[in-house]
Amino acid sequence: MFVLISYDITNDRVRYRLARLLKDYGKRVQRSVFEANLGENRLARLRQRLGAVPLEDDDSIRVYRLCKDCLKTVQIWGSGEVTRKADVYIL
């Protein structure tokens, strides 16, 4: 499934660690926004790891699941494209 993860974190160290964590799951499309194609197990693991992030009162992390039909309606102005599943090559 396709997920969009966004965050607003005030602490630089926590924000940096969160960005590094999210790079293991998806592609950064803006400074604090990632897109990812994840199976149920990887999404569950990501949610578990996000739940352990130390948040301050004004911090937030959001995960949006987008259905296939919703994904077709995504519009982008400027540079970039919607993240697609990675091609897999077996040699």
PDB file of N, CA and C in Angstrom:
ATOM      1  N   MET A   1       0.824  -1.177   0.000  1.00  0.00           N
ATOM      2  CA  MET A   1       0.000   0.000   0.000  1.00  0.00           C
ATOM      3  C   MET A   1       0.872   1.246   0.000  1.00  0.00           C
ATOM      4  N   PHE A   2       0.328   2.304  -0.497  1.00  0.00           N
ATOM      5  CA  PHE A   2       1.054   3.559  -0.615  1.00  0.00           C
ATOM      6  C   PHE A   2       0.774   4.399   0.622  1.00  0.00           C
ATOM      7  N   VAL A   3       1.830   4.892   1.258  1.00  0.00           N
ATOM      8  CA  VAL A   3       1.655   5.749   2.428  1.00  0.00           C
ATOM      9  C   VAL A   3       2.451   7.031   2.251  1.00  0.00           C
ATOM     10  N   LEU A   4       1.922   8.073   2.835  1.00  0.00           N
ATOM     11  CA  LEU A   4       2.560   9.375   2.868  1.00  0.00           C
ATOM     12  C   LEU A   4       2.854   9.662   4.333  1.00  0.00           C
ATOM     13  N   ILE A   5       4.099   9.984   4.657  1.00  0.00           N
ATOM     14  CA  ILE A   5       4.484  10.266   6.035  1.00  0.00           C
ATOM     15  C   ILE A   5       4.999  11.695   6.089  1.00  0.00           C
ATOM     16  N   SER A   6       4.446  12.470   6.992  1.00  0.00           N
ATOM     17  CA  SER A   6       4.920  13.841   7.174  1.00  0.00           C
ATOM     18  C   SER A   6       5.208  14.056   8.655  1.00  0.00           C
ATOM     19  N   TYR A   7       6.078  14.995   8.927  1.00  0.00           N
ATOM     20  CA  TYR A   7       6.405  15.261  10.323  1.00  0.00           C
ATOM     21  C   TYR A   7       6.759  16.729  10.522  1.00  0.00           C
ATOM     22  N   ASP A   8       6.574  17.170  11.746  1.00  0.00           N
ATOM     23  CA  ASP A   8       6.956  18.512  12.179  1.00  0.00           C
ATOM     24  C   ASP A   8       7.583  18.334  13.555  1.00  0.00           C
ATOM     25  N   ILE A   9       8.892  18.347  13.612  1.00  0.00           N
ATOM     26  CA  ILE A   9       9.648  18.060  14.830  1.00  0.00           C
ATOM     27  C   ILE A   9      10.527  19.264  15.149  1.00  0.00           C
ATOM     28  N   THR A  10      10.478  19.738  16.386  1.00  0.00           N
ATOM     29  CA  THR A  10      11.243  20.929  16.763  1.00  0.00           C
ATOM     30  C   THR A  10      12.700  20.635  17.095  1.00  0.00           C
ATOM     31  N   ASN A  11      12.989  19.477  17.669  1.00  0.00           N
ATOM     32  CA  ASN A  11      14.342  19.128  18.086  1.00  0.00           C
ATOM     33  C   ASN A  11      15.146  18.644  16.872  1.00  0.00           C
ATOM     34  N   ASP A  12      16.256  19.321  16.579  1.00  0.00           N
ATOM     35  CA  ASP A  12      17.068  18.986  15.404  1.00  0.00           C
ATOM     36  C   ASP A  12      17.556  17.541  15.426  1.00  0.00           C
ATOM     37  N   ARG A  13      18.007  17.072  16.567  1.00  0.00           N
ATOM     38  CA  ARG A  13      18.547  15.706  16.673  1.00  0.00           C
ATOM     39  C   ARG A  13      17.463  14.659  16.407  1.00  0.00           C
ATOM     40  N   VAL A  14      16.310  14.857  16.998  1.00  0.00           N
ATOM     41  CA  VAL A  14      15.190  13.928  16.797  1.00  0.00           C
ATOM     42  C   VAL A  14      14.734  13.960  15.343  1.00  0.00           C
ATOM     43  N   ARG A  15      14.657  15.158  14.772  1.00  0.00           N
ATOM     44  CA  ARG A  15      14.235  15.311  13.372  1.00  0.00           C
ATOM     45  C   ARG A  15      15.213  14.604  12.434  1.00  0.00           C
ATOM     46  N   TYR A  16      16.509  14.750  12.678  1.00  0.00           N
ATOM     47  CA  TYR A  16      17.519  14.095  11.847  1.00  0.00           C
ATOM     48  C   TYR A  16      17.401  12.573  11.948  1.00  0.00           C
ATOM     49  N   ARG A  17      17.250  12.069  13.149  1.00  0.00           N
ATOM     50  CA  ARG A  17      17.116  10.617  13.340  1.00  0.00           C
ATOM     51  C   ARG A  17      15.858  10.084  12.666  1.00  0.00           C
ATOM     52  N   LEU A  18      14.766  10.833  12.761  1.00  0.00           N
ATOM     53  CA  LEU A  18      13.518  10.419  12.130  1.00  0.00           C
ATOM     54  C   LEU A  18      13.677  10.359  10.610  1.00  0.00           C
ATOM     55  N   ALA A  19      14.317  11.353  10.039  1.00  0.00           N
ATOM     56  CA  ALA A  19      14.537  11.363   8.585  1.00  0.00           C
ATOM     57  C   ALA A  19      15.376  10.158   8.167  1.00  0.00           C
ATOM     58  N   ARG A  20      16.410   9.835   8.928  1.00  0.00           N
ATOM     59  CA  ARG A  20      17.235   8.650   8.617  1.00  0.00           C
ATOM     60  C   ARG A  20      16.409   7.375   8.710  1.00  0.00           C
ATOM     61  N   LEU A  21      15.549   7.287   9.711  1.00  0.00           N
ATOM     62  CA  LEU A  21      14.675   6.125   9.856  1.00  0.00           C
ATOM     63  C   LEU A  21      13.754   5.997   8.649  1.00  0.00           C
ATOM     64  N   LEU A  22      13.140   7.097   8.242  1.00  0.00           N
ATOM     65  CA  LEU A  22      12.182   7.059   7.142  1.00  0.00           C
ATOM     66  C   LEU A  22      12.846   6.727   5.808  1.00  0.00           C
ATOM     67  N   LYS A  23      14.110   7.064   5.641  1.00  0.00           N
ATOM     68  CA  LYS A  23      14.822   6.714   4.406  1.00  0.00           C
ATOM     69  C   LYS A  23      14.933   5.206   4.225  1.00  0.00           C
ATOM     70  N   ASP A  24      14.840   4.456   5.322  1.00  0.00           N
ATOM     71  CA  ASP A  24      14.857   2.994   5.244  1.00  0.00           C
ATOM     72  C   ASP A  24      13.532   2.433   4.725  1.00  0.00           C
ATOM     73  N   TYR A  25      12.490   3.256   4.705  1.00  0.00           N
ATOM     74  CA  TYR A  25      11.159   2.793   4.323  1.00  0.00           C
ATOM     75  C   TYR A  25      10.642   3.388   3.021  1.00  0.00           C
ATOM     76  N   GLY A  26      11.104   4.582   2.688  1.00  0.00           N
ATOM     77  CA  GLY A  26      10.551   5.221   1.497  1.00  0.00           C
ATOM     78  C   GLY A  26      11.473   6.290   0.946  1.00  0.00           C
ATOM     79  N   LYS A  27      10.891   7.132   0.120  1.00  0.00           N
ATOM     80  CA  LYS A  27      11.635   8.167  -0.593  1.00  0.00           C
ATOM     81  C   LYS A  27      11.232   9.535  -0.069  1.00  0.00           C
ATOM     82  N   ARG A  28      12.228  10.360   0.195  1.00  0.00           N
ATOM     83  CA  ARG A  28      11.961  11.735   0.627  1.00  0.00           C
ATOM     84  C   ARG A  28      11.523  12.531  -0.593  1.00  0.00           C
ATOM     85  N   VAL A  29      10.356  13.189  -0.492  1.00  0.00           N
ATOM     86  CA  VAL A  29       9.855  13.983  -1.607  1.00  0.00           C
ATOM     87  C   VAL A  29       9.837  15.473  -1.280  1.00  0.00           C
ATOM     88  N   GLN A  30       9.898  15.799  -0.011  1.00  0.00           N
ATOM     89  CA  GLN A  30      10.074  17.168   0.459  1.00  0.00           C
ATOM     90  C   GLN A  30      10.845  17.081   1.772  1.00  0.00           C
ATOM     91  N   ARG A  31      11.235  18.186   2.330  1.00  0.00           N
ATOM     92  CA  ARG A  31      12.057  18.169   3.551  1.00  0.00           C
ATOM     93  C   ARG A  31      11.476  17.278   4.642  1.00  0.00           C
ATOM     94  N   SER A  32      10.216  17.364   4.897  1.00  0.00           N
ATOM     95  CA  SER A  32       9.619  16.586   5.983  1.00  0.00           C
ATOM     96  C   SER A  32       8.473  15.705   5.496  1.00  0.00           C
ATOM     97  N   VAL A  33       8.581  15.249   4.253  1.00  0.00           N
ATOM     98  CA  VAL A  33       7.539  14.385   3.672  1.00  0.00           C
ATOM     99  C   VAL A  33       8.201  13.225   2.940  1.00  0.00           C
ATOM    100  N   PHE A  34       7.726  12.022   3.231  1.00  0.00           N
ATOM    101  CA  PHE A  34       8.209  10.812   2.585  1.00  0.00           C
ATOM    102  C   PHE A  34       7.037  10.064   1.971  1.00  0.00           C
ATOM    103  N   GLU A  35       7.306   9.362   0.866  1.00  0.00           N
ATOM    104  CA  GLU A  35       6.331   8.461   0.248  1.00  0.00           C
ATOM    105  C   GLU A  35       6.923   7.062   0.277  1.00  0.00           C
ATOM    106  N   ALA A  36       6.055   6.065   0.460  1.00  0.00           N
ATOM    107  CA  ALA A  36       6.552   4.689   0.505  1.00  0.00           C
ATOM    108  C   ALA A  36       5.475   3.717   0.062  1.00  0.00           C
ATOM    109  N   ASN A  37       5.902   2.648  -0.572  1.00  0.00           N
ATOM    110  CA  ASN A  37       5.043   1.504  -0.879  1.00  0.00           C
ATOM    111  C   ASN A  37       5.418   0.407   0.109  1.00  0.00           C
ATOM    112  N   LEU A  38       4.511   0.080   1.016  1.00  0.00           N
ATOM    113  CA  LEU A  38       4.819  -0.861   2.085  1.00  0.00           C
ATOM    114  C   LEU A  38       3.773  -1.949   2.170  1.00  0.00           C
ATOM    115  N   GLY A  39       4.216  -3.131   2.517  1.00  0.00           N
ATOM    116  CA  GLY A  39       3.297  -4.203   2.848  1.00  0.00           C
ATOM    117  C   GLY A  39       2.798  -4.008   4.281  1.00  0.00           C
ATOM    118  N   GLU A  40       1.813  -4.790   4.672  1.00  0.00           N
ATOM    119  CA  GLU A  40       1.232  -4.654   6.016  1.00  0.00           C
ATOM    120  C   GLU A  40       2.281  -4.834   7.113  1.00  0.00           C
ATOM    121  N   ASN A  41       3.177  -5.817   6.962  1.00  0.00           N
ATOM    122  CA  ASN A  41       4.178  -6.077   8.001  1.00  0.00           C
ATOM    123  C   ASN A  41       5.166  -4.928   8.149  1.00  0.00           C
ATOM    124  N   ARG A  42       5.636  -4.409   7.016  1.00  0.00           N
ATOM    125  CA  ARG A  42       6.575  -3.269   7.093  1.00  0.00           C
ATOM    126  C   ARG A  42       5.891  -2.023   7.624  1.00  0.00           C
ATOM    127  N   LEU A  43       4.628  -1.822   7.264  1.00  0.00           N
ATOM    128  CA  LEU A  43       3.899  -0.674   7.789  1.00  0.00           C
ATOM    129  C   LEU A  43       3.721  -0.812   9.302  1.00  0.00           C
ATOM    130  N   ALA A  44       3.404  -2.001   9.770  1.00  0.00           N
ATOM    131  CA  ALA A  44       3.253  -2.231  11.211  1.00  0.00           C
ATOM    132  C   ALA A  44       4.569  -1.955  11.937  1.00  0.00           C
ATOM    133  N   ARG A  45       5.672  -2.400  11.355  1.00  0.00           N
ATOM    134  CA  ARG A  45       6.992  -2.164  11.960  1.00  0.00           C
ATOM    135  C   ARG A  45       7.320  -0.685  11.971  1.00  0.00           C
ATOM    136  N   LEU A  46       7.005   0.007  10.880  1.00  0.00           N
ATOM    137  CA  LEU A  46       7.245   1.451  10.828  1.00  0.00           C
ATOM    138  C   LEU A  46       6.424   2.159  11.898  1.00  0.00           C
ATOM    139  N   ARG A  47       5.160   1.814  12.021  1.00  0.00           N
ATOM    140  CA  ARG A  47       4.308   2.452  13.039  1.00  0.00           C
ATOM    141  C   ARG A  47       4.859   2.211  14.440  1.00  0.00           C
ATOM    142  N   GLN A  48       5.361   1.016  14.678  1.00  0.00           N
ATOM    143  CA  GLN A  48       5.950   0.698  15.974  1.00  0.00           C
ATOM    144  C   GLN A  48       7.160   1.596  16.238  1.00  0.00           C
ATOM    145  N   ARG A  49       7.996   1.743  15.238  1.00  0.00           N
ATOM    146  CA  ARG A  49       9.190   2.574  15.389  1.00  0.00           C
ATOM    147  C   ARG A  49       8.833   4.059  15.523  1.00  0.00           C
ATOM    148  N   LEU A  50       7.813   4.497  14.802  1.00  0.00           N
ATOM    149  CA  LEU A  50       7.379   5.890  14.925  1.00  0.00           C
ATOM    150  C   LEU A  50       6.814   6.175  16.314  1.00  0.00           C
ATOM    151  N   GLY A  51       6.147   5.179  16.883  1.00  0.00           N
ATOM    152  CA  GLY A  51       5.589   5.338  18.219  1.00  0.00           C
ATOM    153  C   GLY A  51       6.649   5.518  19.293  1.00  0.00           C
ATOM    154  N   ALA A  52       7.882   5.118  19.008  1.00  0.00           N
ATOM    155  CA  ALA A  52       8.972   5.244  19.973  1.00  0.00           C
ATOM    156  C   ALA A  52       9.736   6.564  19.849  1.00  0.00           C
ATOM    157  N   VAL A  53       9.389   7.379  18.859  1.00  0.00           N
ATOM    158  CA  VAL A  53      10.072   8.660  18.662  1.00  0.00           C
ATOM    159  C   VAL A  53       9.651   9.613  19.786  1.00  0.00           C
ATOM    160  N   PRO A  54      10.630  10.219  20.490  1.00  0.00           N
ATOM    161  CA  PRO A  54      10.283  11.148  21.582  1.00  0.00           C
ATOM    162  C   PRO A  54       9.769  12.472  21.018  1.00  0.00           C
ATOM    163  N   LEU A  55       8.501  12.750  21.254  1.00  0.00           N
ATOM    164  CA  LEU A  55       7.877  13.967  20.724  1.00  0.00           C
ATOM    165  C   LEU A  55       7.673  14.998  21.818  1.00  0.00           C
ATOM    166  N   GLU A  56       7.854  16.253  21.461  1.00  0.00           N
ATOM    167  CA  GLU A  56       7.556  17.356  22.359  1.00  0.00           C
ATOM    168  C   GLU A  56       6.088  17.752  22.143  1.00  0.00           C
ATOM    169  N   ASP A  57       5.597  18.663  22.941  1.00  0.00           N
ATOM    170  CA  ASP A  57       4.181  19.034  22.898  1.00  0.00           C
ATOM    171  C   ASP A  57       3.706  19.501  21.530  1.00  0.00           C
ATOM    172  N   ASP A  58       4.535  20.243  20.807  1.00  0.00           N
ATOM    173  CA  ASP A  58       4.121  20.790  19.513  1.00  0.00           C
ATOM    174  C   ASP A  58       4.534  19.928  18.323  1.00  0.00           C
ATOM    175  N   ASP A  59       5.163  18.770  18.564  1.00  0.00           N
ATOM    176  CA  ASP A  59       5.624  17.891  17.489  1.00  0.00           C
ATOM    177  C   ASP A  59       4.497  17.006  16.971  1.00  0.00           C
ATOM    178  N   SER A  60       4.659  16.547  15.731  1.00  0.00           N
ATOM    179  CA  SER A  60       3.690  15.586  15.191  1.00  0.00           C
ATOM    180  C   SER A  60       4.324  14.775  14.074  1.00  0.00           C
ATOM    181  N   ILE A  61       3.833  13.542  13.958  1.00  0.00           N
ATOM    182  CA  ILE A  61       4.165  12.663  12.843  1.00  0.00           C
ATOM    183  C   ILE A  61       2.833  12.163  12.319  1.00  0.00           C
ATOM    184  N   ARG A  62       2.649  12.205  11.009  1.00  0.00           N
ATOM    185  CA  ARG A  62       1.391  11.771  10.401  1.00  0.00           C
ATOM    186  C   ARG A  62       1.666  10.725   9.330  1.00  0.00           C
ATOM    187  N   VAL A  63       0.836   9.690   9.307  1.00  0.00           N
ATOM    188  CA  VAL A  63       0.927   8.650   8.284  1.00  0.00           C
ATOM    189  C   VAL A  63      -0.432   8.568   7.598  1.00  0.00           C
ATOM    190  N   TYR A  64      -0.443   8.777   6.304  1.00  0.00           N
ATOM    191  CA  TYR A  64      -1.673   8.713   5.511  1.00  0.00           C
ATOM    192  C   TYR A  64      -1.579   7.526   4.565  1.00  0.00           C
ATOM    193  N   ARG A  65      -2.572   6.669   4.584  1.00  0.00           N
ATOM    194  CA  ARG A  65      -2.651   5.571   3.618  1.00  0.00           C
ATOM    195  C   ARG A  65      -3.492   6.053   2.443  1.00  0.00           C
ATOM    196  N   LEU A  66      -2.984   5.854   1.240  1.00  0.00           N
ATOM    197  CA  LEU A  66      -3.710   6.264   0.048  1.00  0.00           C
ATOM    198  C   LEU A  66      -4.109   5.028  -0.746  1.00  0.00           C
ATOM    199  N   CYS A  67      -5.381   4.942  -1.055  1.00  0.00           N
ATOM    200  CA  CYS A  67      -5.865   3.812  -1.843  1.00  0.00           C
ATOM    201  C   CYS A  67      -5.413   3.975  -3.298  1.00  0.00           C
ATOM    202  N   LYS A  68      -5.522   2.914  -4.078  1.00  0.00           N
ATOM    203  CA  LYS A  68      -5.091   2.960  -5.478  1.00  0.00           C
ATOM    204  C   LYS A  68      -5.834   4.036  -6.262  1.00  0.00           C
ATOM    205  N   ASP A  69      -7.137   4.162  -6.027  1.00  0.00           N
ATOM    206  CA  ASP A  69      -7.904   5.174  -6.742  1.00  0.00           C
ATOM    207  C   ASP A  69      -7.478   6.590  -6.333  1.00  0.00           C
ATOM    208  N   CYS A  70      -7.193   6.773  -5.038  1.00  0.00           N
ATOM    209  CA  CYS A  70      -6.734   8.083  -4.566  1.00  0.00           C
ATOM    210  C   CYS A  70      -5.371   8.424  -5.149  1.00  0.00           C
ATOM    211  N   LEU A  71      -4.519   7.429  -5.250  1.00  0.00           N
ATOM    212  CA  LEU A  71      -3.180   7.633  -5.780  1.00  0.00           C
ATOM    213  C   LEU A  71      -3.226   8.133  -7.222  1.00  0.00           C
ATOM    214  N   LYS A  72      -4.215   7.682  -7.975  1.00  0.00           N
ATOM    215  CA  LYS A  72      -4.365   8.114  -9.372  1.00  0.00           C
ATOM    216  C   LYS A  72      -4.690   9.601  -9.480  1.00  0.00           C
ATOM    217  N   THR A  73      -5.210  10.196  -8.410  1.00  0.00           N
ATOM    218  CA  THR A  73      -5.621  11.598  -8.460  1.00  0.00           C
ATOM    219  C   THR A  73      -4.553  12.558  -7.937  1.00  0.00           C
ATOM    220  N   VAL A  74      -3.396  12.034  -7.522  1.00  0.00           N
ATOM    221  CA  VAL A  74      -2.330  12.888  -7.014  1.00  0.00           C
ATOM    222  C   VAL A  74      -1.860  13.821  -8.120  1.00  0.00           C
ATOM    223  N   GLN A  75      -1.750  15.090  -7.785  1.00  0.00           N
ATOM    224  CA  GLN A  75      -1.263  16.081  -8.729  1.00  0.00           C
ATOM    225  C   GLN A  75      -0.009  16.712  -8.175  1.00  0.00           C
ATOM    226  N   ILE A  76       0.971  16.942  -9.024  1.00  0.00           N
ATOM    227  CA  ILE A  76       2.233  17.551  -8.614  1.00  0.00           C
ATOM    228  C   ILE A  76       2.509  18.738  -9.522  1.00  0.00           C
ATOM    229  N   TRP A  77       2.780  19.861  -8.929  1.00  0.00           N
ATOM    230  CA  TRP A  77       3.211  21.041  -9.665  1.00  0.00           C
ATOM    231  C   TRP A  77       4.686  21.219  -9.362  1.00  0.00           C
ATOM    232  N   GLY A  78       5.470  21.521 -10.359  1.00  0.00           N
ATOM    233  CA  GLY A  78       6.902  21.653 -10.168  1.00  0.00           C
ATOM    234  C   GLY A  78       7.588  20.312 -10.374  1.00  0.00           C
ATOM    235  N   SER A  79       8.742  20.165  -9.775  1.00  0.00           N
ATOM    236  CA  SER A  79       9.537  18.951  -9.999  1.00  0.00           C
ATOM    237  C   SER A  79       9.034  17.791  -9.154  1.00  0.00           C
ATOM    238  N   GLY A  80       9.365  16.591  -9.596  1.00  0.00           N
ATOM    239  CA  GLY A  80       9.029  15.402  -8.836  1.00  0.00           C
ATOM    240  C   GLY A  80       7.974  14.553  -9.504  1.00  0.00           C
ATOM    241  N   GLU A  81       7.848  13.334  -8.976  1.00  0.00           N
ATOM    242  CA  GLU A  81       6.828  12.420  -9.446  1.00  0.00           C
ATOM    243  C   GLU A  81       6.419  11.537  -8.281  1.00  0.00           C
ATOM    244  N   VAL A  82       5.285  10.911  -8.381  1.00  0.00           N
ATOM    245  CA  VAL A  82       4.799  10.026  -7.336  1.00  0.00           C
ATOM    246  C   VAL A  82       5.711   8.812  -7.269  1.00  0.00           C
ATOM    247  N   THR A  83       6.086   8.422  -6.074  1.00  0.00           N
ATOM    248  CA  THR A  83       6.956   7.261  -5.881  1.00  0.00           C
ATOM    249  C   THR A  83       6.280   6.005  -6.363  1.00  0.00           C
ATOM    250  N   ARG A  84       6.995   5.231  -7.132  1.00  0.00           N
ATOM    251  CA  ARG A  84       6.494   3.954  -7.650  1.00  0.00           C
ATOM    252  C   ARG A  84       7.219   2.824  -6.949  1.00  0.00           C
ATOM    253  N   LYS A  85       6.663   1.623  -7.062  1.00  0.00           N
ATOM    254  CA  LYS A  85       7.363   0.461  -6.528  1.00  0.00           C
ATOM    255  C   LYS A  85       8.672   0.303  -7.281  1.00  0.00           C
ATOM    256  N   ALA A  86       9.693  -0.060  -6.532  1.00  0.00           N
ATOM    257  CA  ALA A  86      11.002  -0.269  -7.151  1.00  0.00           C
ATOM    258  C   ALA A  86      10.972  -1.495  -8.038  1.00  0.00           C
ATOM    259  N   ASP A  87      11.611  -1.396  -9.182  1.00  0.00           N
ATOM    260  CA  ASP A  87      11.748  -2.564 -10.050  1.00  0.00           C
ATOM    261  C   ASP A  87      12.692  -3.547  -9.401  1.00  0.00           C
ATOM    262  N   VAL A  88      12.401  -4.800  -9.525  1.00  0.00           N
ATOM    263  CA  VAL A  88      13.247  -5.839  -8.948  1.00  0.00           C
ATOM    264  C   VAL A  88      13.848  -6.653 -10.074  1.00  0.00           C
ATOM    265  N   TYR A  89      15.141  -6.818 -10.033  1.00  0.00           N
ATOM    266  CA  TYR A  89      15.852  -7.597 -11.032  1.00  0.00           C
ATOM    267  C   TYR A  89      16.565  -8.751 -10.341  1.00  0.00           C
ATOM    268  N   ILE A  90      16.337  -9.946 -10.783  1.00  0.00           N
ATOM    269  CA  ILE A  90      17.009 -11.111 -10.248  1.00  0.00           C
ATOM    270  C   ILE A  90      17.986 -11.607 -11.300  1.00  0.00           C
ATOM    271  N   LEU A  91      19.237 -11.669 -10.923  1.00  0.00           N
ATOM    272  CA  LEU A  91      20.276 -12.082 -11.862  1.00  0.00           C
ATOM    273  C   LEU A  91      20.753 -13.482 -11.530  1.00  0.00           C
TER     274      LEU A  91
END
